[in-house]
N, C-alpha and C. Protein backbone atom coordinates (compact mmCIF):
# COMPACT_ATOMS: atom_id res chain seq x y z
N MET A 1 -53.09 -54.99 -109.80
CA MET A 1 -54.06 -55.33 -108.77
C MET A 1 -55.40 -55.70 -109.40
N SER A 2 -55.75 -54.98 -110.47
CA SER A 2 -57.00 -55.30 -111.13
C SER A 2 -56.93 -56.66 -111.80
N GLU A 3 -55.70 -57.03 -112.31
CA GLU A 3 -55.57 -58.35 -112.93
C GLU A 3 -55.77 -59.46 -111.92
N SER A 4 -55.19 -59.33 -110.71
CA SER A 4 -55.37 -60.37 -109.70
C SER A 4 -56.81 -60.44 -109.22
N GLY A 5 -57.46 -59.26 -109.14
CA GLY A 5 -58.87 -59.23 -108.75
C GLY A 5 -59.75 -59.93 -109.77
N SER A 6 -59.47 -59.68 -111.07
CA SER A 6 -60.27 -60.32 -112.11
C SER A 6 -59.99 -61.81 -112.18
N THR A 7 -58.73 -62.20 -111.89
CA THR A 7 -58.38 -63.63 -111.89
C THR A 7 -59.10 -64.35 -110.77
N SER A 8 -59.16 -63.74 -109.57
CA SER A 8 -59.86 -64.39 -108.46
C SER A 8 -61.36 -64.47 -108.72
N LYS A 9 -61.92 -63.41 -109.37
CA LYS A 9 -63.34 -63.47 -109.71
C LYS A 9 -63.61 -64.57 -110.72
N THR A 10 -62.70 -64.72 -111.69
CA THR A 10 -62.88 -65.75 -112.71
C THR A 10 -62.80 -67.13 -112.09
N SER A 11 -61.82 -67.37 -111.20
CA SER A 11 -61.69 -68.68 -110.57
C SER A 11 -62.87 -68.97 -109.66
N THR A 12 -63.38 -67.92 -108.98
CA THR A 12 -64.54 -68.10 -108.12
C THR A 12 -65.77 -68.47 -108.94
N SER A 13 -65.96 -67.77 -110.06
CA SER A 13 -67.12 -68.08 -110.91
C SER A 13 -66.99 -69.45 -111.55
N LYS A 14 -65.75 -69.86 -111.89
CA LYS A 14 -65.55 -71.21 -112.44
C LYS A 14 -65.86 -72.26 -111.39
N GLY A 15 -65.42 -72.01 -110.13
CA GLY A 15 -65.70 -72.96 -109.05
C GLY A 15 -67.19 -73.06 -108.78
N ALA A 16 -67.88 -71.91 -108.80
CA ALA A 16 -69.32 -71.92 -108.56
C ALA A 16 -70.06 -72.63 -109.68
N SER A 17 -69.61 -72.39 -110.94
CA SER A 17 -70.29 -73.05 -112.05
C SER A 17 -70.02 -74.54 -112.05
N THR A 18 -68.84 -74.96 -111.59
CA THR A 18 -68.54 -76.39 -111.51
C THR A 18 -69.41 -77.06 -110.47
N VAL A 19 -69.55 -76.43 -109.31
CA VAL A 19 -70.38 -76.99 -108.24
C VAL A 19 -71.84 -77.05 -108.68
N SER A 20 -72.33 -75.95 -109.27
CA SER A 20 -73.72 -75.95 -109.71
C SER A 20 -73.93 -76.94 -110.85
N GLY A 21 -72.93 -77.07 -111.72
CA GLY A 21 -73.03 -78.05 -112.81
C GLY A 21 -73.13 -79.46 -112.28
N LYS A 22 -72.32 -79.77 -111.26
CA LYS A 22 -72.37 -81.10 -110.66
C LYS A 22 -73.70 -81.34 -109.95
N ALA A 23 -74.20 -80.30 -109.29
CA ALA A 23 -75.49 -80.43 -108.59
C ALA A 23 -76.61 -80.69 -109.60
N PHE A 24 -76.63 -79.90 -110.69
CA PHE A 24 -77.67 -80.11 -111.70
C PHE A 24 -77.52 -81.46 -112.39
N SER A 25 -76.29 -81.89 -112.59
CA SER A 25 -76.06 -83.20 -113.19
C SER A 25 -76.58 -84.31 -112.28
N GLY A 26 -76.34 -84.16 -110.97
CA GLY A 26 -76.82 -85.14 -110.00
C GLY A 26 -78.33 -85.19 -109.95
N VAL A 27 -78.97 -84.02 -109.99
CA VAL A 27 -80.43 -83.97 -109.99
C VAL A 27 -80.96 -84.58 -111.30
N GLY A 28 -80.27 -84.32 -112.40
CA GLY A 28 -80.67 -84.90 -113.68
C GLY A 28 -80.60 -86.41 -113.65
N ASN A 29 -79.62 -86.96 -112.93
CA ASN A 29 -79.50 -88.41 -112.82
C ASN A 29 -80.67 -89.02 -112.06
N LEU A 30 -81.31 -88.24 -111.18
CA LEU A 30 -82.47 -88.74 -110.45
C LEU A 30 -83.64 -89.01 -111.40
N VAL A 31 -83.68 -88.27 -112.51
CA VAL A 31 -84.75 -88.49 -113.48
C VAL A 31 -84.65 -89.90 -114.05
N LYS A 32 -83.43 -90.43 -114.11
CA LYS A 32 -83.23 -91.77 -114.67
C LYS A 32 -83.63 -92.87 -113.70
N LEU A 33 -83.90 -92.53 -112.46
CA LEU A 33 -84.19 -93.56 -111.47
C LEU A 33 -85.42 -94.38 -111.84
N LEU A 34 -86.43 -93.75 -112.35
CA LEU A 34 -87.62 -94.46 -112.82
C LEU A 34 -87.95 -93.97 -114.22
N PRO A 35 -88.26 -94.88 -115.11
CA PRO A 35 -88.76 -94.43 -116.42
C PRO A 35 -90.08 -93.71 -116.23
N THR A 36 -90.13 -92.45 -116.61
CA THR A 36 -91.31 -91.63 -116.35
C THR A 36 -92.54 -92.16 -117.07
N GLY A 37 -92.35 -92.76 -118.24
CA GLY A 37 -93.49 -93.32 -118.96
C GLY A 37 -94.16 -94.44 -118.17
N THR A 38 -93.35 -95.26 -117.50
CA THR A 38 -93.89 -96.36 -116.70
C THR A 38 -94.69 -95.83 -115.52
N VAL A 39 -94.15 -94.83 -114.84
CA VAL A 39 -94.86 -94.25 -113.69
C VAL A 39 -96.16 -93.59 -114.15
N PHE A 40 -96.10 -92.87 -115.27
CA PHE A 40 -97.32 -92.24 -115.80
C PHE A 40 -98.35 -93.30 -116.15
N LEU A 41 -97.92 -94.38 -116.81
CA LEU A 41 -98.85 -95.45 -117.17
C LEU A 41 -99.50 -96.06 -115.93
N PHE A 42 -98.69 -96.29 -114.90
CA PHE A 42 -99.24 -96.86 -113.66
C PHE A 42 -100.24 -95.90 -113.02
N GLN A 43 -99.88 -94.63 -112.92
CA GLN A 43 -100.77 -93.64 -112.30
C GLN A 43 -102.07 -93.49 -113.09
N PHE A 44 -101.99 -93.64 -114.41
CA PHE A 44 -103.17 -93.51 -115.25
C PHE A 44 -104.07 -94.74 -115.14
N LEU A 45 -103.46 -95.93 -115.14
CA LEU A 45 -104.26 -97.17 -115.17
C LEU A 45 -104.68 -97.66 -113.78
N SER A 46 -103.98 -97.24 -112.74
CA SER A 46 -104.29 -97.74 -111.40
C SER A 46 -105.74 -97.52 -110.99
N PRO A 47 -106.31 -96.31 -111.14
CA PRO A 47 -107.72 -96.14 -110.76
C PRO A 47 -108.66 -96.99 -111.61
N LEU A 48 -108.29 -97.24 -112.86
CA LEU A 48 -109.15 -98.02 -113.74
C LEU A 48 -109.17 -99.50 -113.35
N VAL A 49 -107.97 -100.08 -113.15
CA VAL A 49 -107.92 -101.52 -112.88
C VAL A 49 -108.34 -101.85 -111.45
N THR A 50 -108.23 -100.89 -110.53
CA THR A 50 -108.65 -101.15 -109.15
C THR A 50 -110.08 -100.70 -108.88
N ASN A 51 -110.74 -100.13 -109.90
CA ASN A 51 -112.09 -99.60 -109.72
C ASN A 51 -112.07 -98.54 -108.61
N SER A 52 -111.06 -97.69 -108.66
CA SER A 52 -110.84 -96.62 -107.66
C SER A 52 -110.75 -97.16 -106.24
N GLY A 53 -110.17 -98.34 -106.09
CA GLY A 53 -109.97 -98.92 -104.77
C GLY A 53 -111.07 -99.85 -104.31
N HIS A 54 -112.16 -99.97 -105.06
CA HIS A 54 -113.28 -100.85 -104.72
C HIS A 54 -113.16 -102.13 -105.55
N CYS A 55 -112.28 -103.03 -105.11
CA CYS A 55 -111.89 -104.19 -105.92
C CYS A 55 -112.78 -105.40 -105.71
N ASN A 56 -112.95 -106.12 -106.81
CA ASN A 56 -113.43 -107.48 -106.71
C ASN A 56 -112.27 -108.38 -107.17
N THR A 57 -112.50 -109.66 -107.36
CA THR A 57 -111.42 -110.59 -107.68
C THR A 57 -110.74 -110.24 -109.00
N VAL A 58 -111.52 -109.89 -110.01
CA VAL A 58 -110.95 -109.53 -111.32
C VAL A 58 -110.08 -108.30 -111.19
N ASN A 59 -110.53 -107.30 -110.44
CA ASN A 59 -109.74 -106.09 -110.24
C ASN A 59 -108.41 -106.39 -109.55
N LYS A 60 -108.42 -107.32 -108.61
CA LYS A 60 -107.17 -107.68 -107.92
C LYS A 60 -106.18 -108.33 -108.88
N TYR A 61 -106.68 -109.21 -109.75
CA TYR A 61 -105.79 -109.82 -110.74
C TYR A 61 -105.23 -108.79 -111.71
N LEU A 62 -106.09 -107.90 -112.19
CA LEU A 62 -105.64 -106.85 -113.11
C LEU A 62 -104.63 -105.91 -112.45
N SER A 63 -104.87 -105.58 -111.19
CA SER A 63 -103.94 -104.71 -110.46
C SER A 63 -102.59 -105.40 -110.27
N GLY A 64 -102.63 -106.69 -109.93
CA GLY A 64 -101.39 -107.44 -109.78
C GLY A 64 -100.61 -107.51 -111.07
N ILE A 65 -101.31 -107.74 -112.19
CA ILE A 65 -100.64 -107.78 -113.50
C ILE A 65 -100.03 -106.43 -113.82
N LEU A 66 -100.75 -105.35 -113.54
CA LEU A 66 -100.23 -104.00 -113.79
C LEU A 66 -98.96 -103.75 -112.98
N LEU A 67 -98.97 -104.12 -111.70
CA LEU A 67 -97.78 -103.94 -110.85
C LEU A 67 -96.59 -104.73 -111.38
N VAL A 68 -96.82 -105.98 -111.78
CA VAL A 68 -95.72 -106.81 -112.28
C VAL A 68 -95.16 -106.27 -113.59
N VAL A 69 -96.05 -105.91 -114.52
CA VAL A 69 -95.60 -105.40 -115.82
C VAL A 69 -94.81 -104.10 -115.65
N CYS A 70 -95.31 -103.19 -114.83
CA CYS A 70 -94.60 -101.92 -114.62
C CYS A 70 -93.28 -102.14 -113.88
N GLY A 71 -93.27 -103.03 -112.89
CA GLY A 71 -92.02 -103.34 -112.19
C GLY A 71 -90.99 -103.96 -113.13
N PHE A 72 -91.44 -104.89 -113.98
CA PHE A 72 -90.54 -105.50 -114.96
C PHE A 72 -89.98 -104.45 -115.90
N ASN A 73 -90.83 -103.51 -116.34
CA ASN A 73 -90.37 -102.47 -117.25
C ASN A 73 -89.32 -101.59 -116.59
N CYS A 74 -89.49 -101.28 -115.30
CA CYS A 74 -88.49 -100.49 -114.58
C CYS A 74 -87.13 -101.18 -114.57
N ALA A 75 -87.14 -102.50 -114.35
CA ALA A 75 -85.88 -103.25 -114.34
C ALA A 75 -85.33 -103.39 -115.75
N PHE A 76 -86.18 -103.72 -116.71
CA PHE A 76 -85.72 -103.98 -118.08
C PHE A 76 -85.06 -102.77 -118.70
N THR A 77 -85.62 -101.58 -118.49
CA THR A 77 -85.06 -100.39 -119.13
C THR A 77 -83.67 -100.05 -118.61
N SER A 78 -83.31 -100.57 -117.44
CA SER A 78 -81.94 -100.37 -116.94
C SER A 78 -80.93 -101.17 -117.75
N PHE A 79 -81.40 -102.14 -118.50
CA PHE A 79 -80.53 -102.97 -119.31
C PHE A 79 -80.65 -102.64 -120.80
N THR A 80 -81.01 -101.41 -121.10
CA THR A 80 -81.05 -100.94 -122.48
C THR A 80 -80.16 -99.72 -122.62
N ASP A 81 -79.70 -99.47 -123.82
CA ASP A 81 -78.87 -98.30 -124.08
C ASP A 81 -79.08 -97.88 -125.52
N SER A 82 -78.55 -96.74 -125.89
CA SER A 82 -78.71 -96.25 -127.25
C SER A 82 -77.40 -95.68 -127.75
N TYR A 83 -77.30 -95.58 -129.05
CA TYR A 83 -76.13 -94.99 -129.69
C TYR A 83 -76.57 -94.38 -131.00
N THR A 84 -75.75 -93.47 -131.52
CA THR A 84 -76.01 -92.90 -132.82
C THR A 84 -75.23 -93.71 -133.83
N GLY A 85 -75.94 -94.36 -134.74
CA GLY A 85 -75.31 -95.26 -135.70
C GLY A 85 -74.60 -94.52 -136.82
N SER A 86 -73.93 -95.29 -137.67
CA SER A 86 -73.22 -94.71 -138.80
C SER A 86 -74.17 -94.07 -139.80
N ASP A 87 -75.46 -94.37 -139.69
CA ASP A 87 -76.46 -93.75 -140.56
C ASP A 87 -76.99 -92.43 -139.97
N GLY A 88 -76.48 -92.03 -138.80
CA GLY A 88 -76.88 -90.78 -138.17
C GLY A 88 -78.16 -90.87 -137.35
N GLN A 89 -78.76 -92.05 -137.25
CA GLN A 89 -79.99 -92.25 -136.50
C GLN A 89 -79.70 -92.84 -135.12
N ARG A 90 -80.61 -92.60 -134.17
CA ARG A 90 -80.48 -93.20 -132.84
C ARG A 90 -81.01 -94.62 -132.88
N HIS A 91 -80.21 -95.55 -132.33
CA HIS A 91 -80.60 -96.95 -132.27
C HIS A 91 -80.56 -97.42 -130.83
N TYR A 92 -81.54 -98.24 -130.45
CA TYR A 92 -81.64 -98.78 -129.10
C TYR A 92 -81.32 -100.26 -129.14
N GLY A 93 -80.75 -100.74 -128.04
CA GLY A 93 -80.45 -102.16 -127.95
C GLY A 93 -80.46 -102.63 -126.51
N ILE A 94 -80.42 -103.94 -126.36
CA ILE A 94 -80.36 -104.57 -125.04
C ILE A 94 -78.90 -104.81 -124.70
N VAL A 95 -78.52 -104.46 -123.47
CA VAL A 95 -77.15 -104.61 -123.02
C VAL A 95 -76.86 -106.09 -122.77
N THR A 96 -75.75 -106.57 -123.33
CA THR A 96 -75.31 -107.95 -123.11
C THR A 96 -73.88 -107.93 -122.57
N THR A 97 -73.33 -109.09 -122.29
CA THR A 97 -71.96 -109.17 -121.76
C THR A 97 -70.92 -108.78 -122.81
N THR A 98 -71.31 -108.75 -124.08
CA THR A 98 -70.36 -108.38 -125.13
C THR A 98 -70.64 -107.02 -125.76
N GLY A 99 -71.76 -106.42 -125.46
CA GLY A 99 -72.11 -105.12 -126.04
C GLY A 99 -73.61 -104.98 -126.16
N LEU A 100 -74.06 -104.29 -127.22
CA LEU A 100 -75.48 -104.09 -127.44
C LEU A 100 -76.01 -105.08 -128.47
N TRP A 101 -77.26 -105.50 -128.26
CA TRP A 101 -77.92 -106.37 -129.22
C TRP A 101 -79.34 -105.90 -129.41
N PRO A 102 -79.89 -105.81 -130.59
CA PRO A 102 -79.20 -105.93 -131.88
C PRO A 102 -78.41 -104.67 -132.16
N SER A 103 -77.52 -104.73 -133.11
CA SER A 103 -76.63 -103.60 -133.37
C SER A 103 -76.57 -103.24 -134.85
N PRO A 104 -77.69 -102.77 -135.41
CA PRO A 104 -77.64 -102.31 -136.80
C PRO A 104 -76.95 -100.96 -136.91
N ALA A 105 -76.43 -100.67 -138.07
CA ALA A 105 -75.80 -99.37 -138.37
C ALA A 105 -74.71 -99.02 -137.38
N SER A 106 -73.84 -99.98 -137.09
CA SER A 106 -72.77 -99.72 -136.12
C SER A 106 -71.40 -100.01 -136.71
N ASP A 107 -71.22 -99.73 -138.00
CA ASP A 107 -69.97 -100.05 -138.69
C ASP A 107 -68.76 -99.38 -138.05
N SER A 108 -68.89 -98.11 -137.67
CA SER A 108 -67.75 -97.37 -137.15
C SER A 108 -67.81 -97.17 -135.64
N ILE A 109 -68.68 -97.89 -134.96
CA ILE A 109 -68.88 -97.68 -133.52
C ILE A 109 -68.53 -98.95 -132.76
N ASP A 110 -67.76 -98.79 -131.70
CA ASP A 110 -67.37 -99.92 -130.86
C ASP A 110 -68.47 -100.14 -129.82
N LEU A 111 -69.32 -101.12 -130.06
CA LEU A 111 -70.44 -101.37 -129.15
C LEU A 111 -70.04 -102.20 -127.94
N SER A 112 -68.79 -102.68 -127.89
CA SER A 112 -68.36 -103.44 -126.71
C SER A 112 -68.25 -102.53 -125.48
N ALA A 113 -68.17 -101.22 -125.71
CA ALA A 113 -68.12 -100.27 -124.58
C ALA A 113 -69.45 -100.21 -123.83
N TYR A 114 -70.51 -100.73 -124.44
CA TYR A 114 -71.83 -100.70 -123.83
C TYR A 114 -72.16 -101.99 -123.09
N LYS A 115 -71.17 -102.81 -122.82
CA LYS A 115 -71.43 -104.13 -122.23
C LYS A 115 -72.03 -104.04 -120.83
N LEU A 116 -72.59 -105.14 -120.40
CA LEU A 116 -73.26 -105.25 -119.11
C LEU A 116 -72.27 -105.01 -117.96
N ARG A 117 -72.73 -104.26 -116.95
CA ARG A 117 -71.89 -103.95 -115.80
C ARG A 117 -72.65 -104.25 -114.51
N PHE A 118 -71.92 -104.36 -113.42
CA PHE A 118 -72.54 -104.60 -112.12
C PHE A 118 -73.49 -103.45 -111.74
N GLY A 119 -73.10 -102.23 -112.10
CA GLY A 119 -73.94 -101.07 -111.80
C GLY A 119 -75.32 -101.14 -112.42
N ASP A 120 -75.44 -101.85 -113.55
CA ASP A 120 -76.75 -102.00 -114.18
C ASP A 120 -77.71 -102.75 -113.27
N PHE A 121 -77.20 -103.77 -112.58
CA PHE A 121 -78.03 -104.55 -111.66
C PHE A 121 -78.42 -103.70 -110.43
N VAL A 122 -77.48 -102.87 -109.96
CA VAL A 122 -77.78 -101.99 -108.83
C VAL A 122 -78.87 -101.00 -109.21
N HIS A 123 -78.73 -100.37 -110.38
CA HIS A 123 -79.72 -99.39 -110.81
C HIS A 123 -81.07 -100.04 -111.07
N ALA A 124 -81.07 -101.24 -111.63
CA ALA A 124 -82.34 -101.95 -111.86
C ALA A 124 -83.02 -102.26 -110.53
N SER A 125 -82.22 -102.70 -109.55
CA SER A 125 -82.78 -103.02 -108.23
C SER A 125 -83.37 -101.78 -107.56
N LEU A 126 -82.64 -100.67 -107.64
CA LEU A 126 -83.15 -99.43 -107.04
C LEU A 126 -84.43 -98.97 -107.73
N SER A 127 -84.48 -99.10 -109.05
CA SER A 127 -85.68 -98.70 -109.78
C SER A 127 -86.88 -99.53 -109.35
N VAL A 128 -86.67 -100.84 -109.21
CA VAL A 128 -87.77 -101.73 -108.81
C VAL A 128 -88.21 -101.42 -107.38
N ILE A 129 -87.25 -101.17 -106.49
CA ILE A 129 -87.59 -100.85 -105.09
C ILE A 129 -88.39 -99.56 -105.01
N VAL A 130 -87.94 -98.53 -105.72
CA VAL A 130 -88.67 -97.26 -105.69
C VAL A 130 -90.06 -97.42 -106.28
N PHE A 131 -90.16 -98.16 -107.41
CA PHE A 131 -91.47 -98.36 -107.99
C PHE A 131 -92.37 -99.18 -107.06
N ALA A 132 -91.78 -100.19 -106.40
CA ALA A 132 -92.58 -101.02 -105.47
C ALA A 132 -93.16 -100.16 -104.35
N VAL A 133 -92.36 -99.24 -103.83
CA VAL A 133 -92.87 -98.36 -102.76
C VAL A 133 -93.98 -97.47 -103.31
N LEU A 134 -93.74 -96.88 -104.50
CA LEU A 134 -94.77 -96.03 -105.10
C LEU A 134 -96.03 -96.82 -105.42
N GLY A 135 -95.84 -98.01 -105.99
CA GLY A 135 -96.99 -98.81 -106.42
C GLY A 135 -97.76 -99.43 -105.28
N LEU A 136 -97.05 -100.05 -104.36
CA LEU A 136 -97.72 -100.78 -103.28
C LEU A 136 -98.34 -99.85 -102.24
N LEU A 137 -97.87 -98.61 -102.17
CA LEU A 137 -98.46 -97.66 -101.24
C LEU A 137 -99.39 -96.67 -101.94
N ASP A 138 -99.67 -96.92 -103.23
CA ASP A 138 -100.66 -96.12 -103.95
C ASP A 138 -102.02 -96.28 -103.26
N THR A 139 -102.75 -95.20 -103.14
CA THR A 139 -104.03 -95.22 -102.41
C THR A 139 -104.98 -96.28 -102.95
N ASN A 140 -105.08 -96.39 -104.26
CA ASN A 140 -106.00 -97.36 -104.85
C ASN A 140 -105.55 -98.80 -104.60
N ILE A 141 -104.25 -99.05 -104.68
CA ILE A 141 -103.72 -100.40 -104.44
C ILE A 141 -103.92 -100.79 -102.98
N VAL A 142 -103.65 -99.84 -102.07
CA VAL A 142 -103.83 -100.12 -100.64
C VAL A 142 -105.30 -100.43 -100.36
N SER A 143 -106.20 -99.62 -100.90
CA SER A 143 -107.64 -99.86 -100.68
C SER A 143 -108.09 -101.19 -101.27
N CYS A 144 -107.45 -101.61 -102.32
CA CYS A 144 -107.84 -102.85 -103.00
C CYS A 144 -107.32 -104.09 -102.28
N PHE A 145 -106.05 -104.10 -101.91
CA PHE A 145 -105.42 -105.32 -101.39
C PHE A 145 -105.39 -105.39 -99.85
N TYR A 146 -105.13 -104.28 -99.20
CA TYR A 146 -105.01 -104.31 -97.74
C TYR A 146 -105.56 -103.00 -97.15
N PRO A 147 -106.89 -102.86 -97.16
CA PRO A 147 -107.50 -101.60 -96.70
C PRO A 147 -107.27 -101.31 -95.22
N GLU A 148 -107.09 -102.35 -94.40
CA GLU A 148 -106.86 -102.11 -92.97
C GLU A 148 -105.50 -101.44 -92.73
N PHE A 149 -104.58 -101.61 -93.67
CA PHE A 149 -103.24 -101.03 -93.54
C PHE A 149 -103.30 -99.51 -93.62
N GLU A 150 -104.23 -98.98 -94.39
CA GLU A 150 -104.33 -97.55 -94.59
C GLU A 150 -104.62 -96.79 -93.31
N SER A 151 -105.48 -97.35 -92.47
CA SER A 151 -105.82 -96.66 -91.23
C SER A 151 -104.83 -96.94 -90.11
N SER A 152 -104.33 -98.18 -90.05
CA SER A 152 -103.46 -98.54 -88.92
C SER A 152 -102.00 -98.13 -89.11
N GLU A 153 -101.56 -98.02 -90.33
CA GLU A 153 -100.15 -97.72 -90.60
C GLU A 153 -99.99 -96.44 -91.43
N LYS A 154 -100.79 -95.45 -91.11
CA LYS A 154 -100.77 -94.21 -91.90
C LYS A 154 -99.43 -93.50 -91.81
N ILE A 155 -98.79 -93.52 -90.65
CA ILE A 155 -97.50 -92.85 -90.49
C ILE A 155 -96.44 -93.52 -91.36
N LEU A 156 -96.45 -94.87 -91.38
CA LEU A 156 -95.50 -95.60 -92.22
C LEU A 156 -95.70 -95.24 -93.69
N MET A 157 -96.95 -95.12 -94.11
CA MET A 157 -97.23 -94.77 -95.50
C MET A 157 -96.76 -93.37 -95.84
N GLN A 158 -96.70 -92.50 -94.86
CA GLN A 158 -96.24 -91.13 -95.10
C GLN A 158 -94.72 -91.02 -95.04
N VAL A 159 -94.09 -91.86 -94.22
CA VAL A 159 -92.65 -91.73 -93.99
C VAL A 159 -91.81 -92.58 -94.94
N LEU A 160 -92.29 -93.78 -95.26
CA LEU A 160 -91.49 -94.71 -96.05
C LEU A 160 -91.11 -94.21 -97.44
N PRO A 161 -92.03 -93.66 -98.25
CA PRO A 161 -91.63 -93.20 -99.59
C PRO A 161 -90.52 -92.15 -99.59
N PRO A 162 -90.58 -91.11 -98.73
CA PRO A 162 -89.47 -90.15 -98.75
C PRO A 162 -88.14 -90.76 -98.32
N ILE A 163 -88.17 -91.70 -97.36
CA ILE A 163 -86.92 -92.33 -96.92
C ILE A 163 -86.32 -93.17 -98.03
N ILE A 164 -87.15 -94.01 -98.66
CA ILE A 164 -86.66 -94.85 -99.77
C ILE A 164 -86.18 -93.96 -100.91
N GLY A 165 -86.91 -92.90 -101.21
CA GLY A 165 -86.52 -91.98 -102.27
C GLY A 165 -85.20 -91.29 -101.97
N ALA A 166 -85.00 -90.86 -100.72
CA ALA A 166 -83.76 -90.18 -100.35
C ALA A 166 -82.57 -91.13 -100.42
N VAL A 167 -82.72 -92.35 -99.90
CA VAL A 167 -81.62 -93.32 -99.93
C VAL A 167 -81.28 -93.69 -101.37
N SER A 168 -82.30 -94.02 -102.16
CA SER A 168 -82.06 -94.39 -103.56
C SER A 168 -81.49 -93.22 -104.35
N GLY A 169 -82.03 -92.03 -104.11
CA GLY A 169 -81.54 -90.85 -104.80
C GLY A 169 -80.08 -90.56 -104.48
N THR A 170 -79.70 -90.73 -103.22
CA THR A 170 -78.31 -90.51 -102.82
C THR A 170 -77.39 -91.51 -103.50
N VAL A 171 -77.77 -92.77 -103.48
CA VAL A 171 -76.95 -93.80 -104.15
C VAL A 171 -76.86 -93.50 -105.63
N PHE A 172 -77.96 -93.09 -106.23
CA PHE A 172 -77.97 -92.82 -107.66
C PHE A 172 -77.16 -91.59 -108.02
N MET A 173 -77.11 -90.60 -107.11
CA MET A 173 -76.29 -89.41 -107.38
C MET A 173 -74.80 -89.72 -107.22
N ILE A 174 -74.45 -90.60 -106.27
CA ILE A 174 -73.05 -90.95 -106.06
C ILE A 174 -72.57 -91.88 -107.17
N PHE A 175 -73.41 -92.82 -107.58
CA PHE A 175 -73.06 -93.78 -108.63
C PHE A 175 -74.05 -93.63 -109.78
N PRO A 176 -73.88 -92.59 -110.60
CA PRO A 176 -74.87 -92.33 -111.66
C PRO A 176 -74.80 -93.38 -112.77
N SER A 177 -75.89 -93.50 -113.48
CA SER A 177 -75.96 -94.39 -114.64
C SER A 177 -75.69 -93.56 -115.89
N TYR A 178 -74.85 -94.09 -116.77
CA TYR A 178 -74.57 -93.41 -118.02
C TYR A 178 -75.33 -94.03 -119.18
N ARG A 179 -76.29 -94.87 -118.87
CA ARG A 179 -77.13 -95.47 -119.90
C ARG A 179 -78.15 -94.45 -120.41
N HIS A 180 -78.46 -94.53 -121.67
CA HIS A 180 -79.50 -93.69 -122.28
C HIS A 180 -80.42 -94.61 -123.07
N GLY A 181 -81.05 -95.51 -122.35
CA GLY A 181 -81.88 -96.52 -122.99
C GLY A 181 -83.31 -96.09 -123.15
N ILE A 182 -84.16 -97.08 -123.37
CA ILE A 182 -85.58 -96.84 -123.59
C ILE A 182 -86.18 -96.27 -122.32
N GLY A 183 -86.86 -95.13 -122.45
CA GLY A 183 -87.52 -94.51 -121.31
C GLY A 183 -86.66 -93.50 -120.58
N TYR A 184 -85.40 -93.34 -120.98
CA TYR A 184 -84.51 -92.39 -120.33
C TYR A 184 -84.26 -91.21 -121.25
N PRO A 185 -83.93 -90.05 -120.67
CA PRO A 185 -83.61 -88.90 -121.52
C PRO A 185 -82.33 -89.16 -122.29
N THR A 186 -82.27 -88.66 -123.51
CA THR A 186 -81.08 -88.86 -124.34
C THR A 186 -80.11 -87.72 -124.12
N SER A 187 -78.86 -87.98 -124.45
CA SER A 187 -77.86 -86.92 -124.41
C SER A 187 -77.45 -86.61 -125.83
N SER A 188 -76.69 -85.53 -126.00
CA SER A 188 -76.30 -85.14 -127.34
C SER A 188 -75.29 -86.09 -127.94
N ASP A 189 -74.52 -86.79 -127.09
CA ASP A 189 -73.52 -87.71 -127.63
C ASP A 189 -73.44 -88.94 -126.74
N THR A 190 -74.19 -89.96 -127.06
CA THR A 190 -74.16 -91.17 -126.25
C THR A 190 -73.02 -92.10 -126.65
N ASN A 191 -72.29 -91.75 -127.72
CA ASN A 191 -71.17 -92.60 -128.14
C ASN A 191 -69.92 -92.31 -127.34
N ASP A 192 -69.93 -91.24 -126.54
CA ASP A 192 -68.77 -90.93 -125.71
C ASP A 192 -68.80 -91.83 -124.49
N THR A 193 -67.97 -92.85 -124.54
CA THR A 193 -67.97 -93.85 -123.45
C THR A 193 -66.85 -93.60 -122.46
N SER A 194 -66.16 -92.48 -122.58
CA SER A 194 -65.05 -92.22 -121.67
C SER A 194 -65.51 -92.04 -120.25
N GLU A 195 -66.77 -91.57 -120.06
CA GLU A 195 -67.28 -91.34 -118.71
C GLU A 195 -68.06 -92.53 -118.18
N LYS A 196 -68.31 -93.54 -119.00
CA LYS A 196 -69.14 -94.67 -118.55
C LYS A 196 -68.33 -95.54 -117.61
N SER A 197 -68.67 -95.50 -116.35
CA SER A 197 -67.82 -96.16 -115.38
C SER A 197 -68.53 -97.05 -114.41
N THR A 198 -69.78 -97.37 -114.49
CA THR A 198 -70.37 -98.26 -113.51
C THR A 198 -70.96 -99.46 -114.14
């Protein structure tokens, strides 16, 4: 009786650890939704280029350039990946239809497993959409480009970011990205391509 009791406790704890492991893995995938360096750069530079929301023409151009550069970076990093080369160092490359480019120190590694996939375009699109919501509804950007929007559409500004975040987060948890490119957290073994499926 004690053996069956310990077996049921073991299976219960394994089931709980599997569920919690999947939950933590899903939450970890949300970190990949936006490159954190890009968001930090935008949050740091936004008050400077917008003059804290008191824009003139030069500030508007600088703010627009900042938004475009950060948005491009969000999309671009979805098309990068990394691997541990035969020299034992981490190498980054751009994803292509045939694998990674450039591919130094890859004598014993099959880089064709890193080829471009449809999921990369989905993740890039979600990253740009989430950044666009964060960027375009930033207080300084709103004050600079469309100040009347802040007072008349305050509810939309409060509701839209969580909705976009929840939808994108759900899609990203269901269809996670296995890329470990520039701006994303690395894993201990990025050469294991058996799980790369999108």
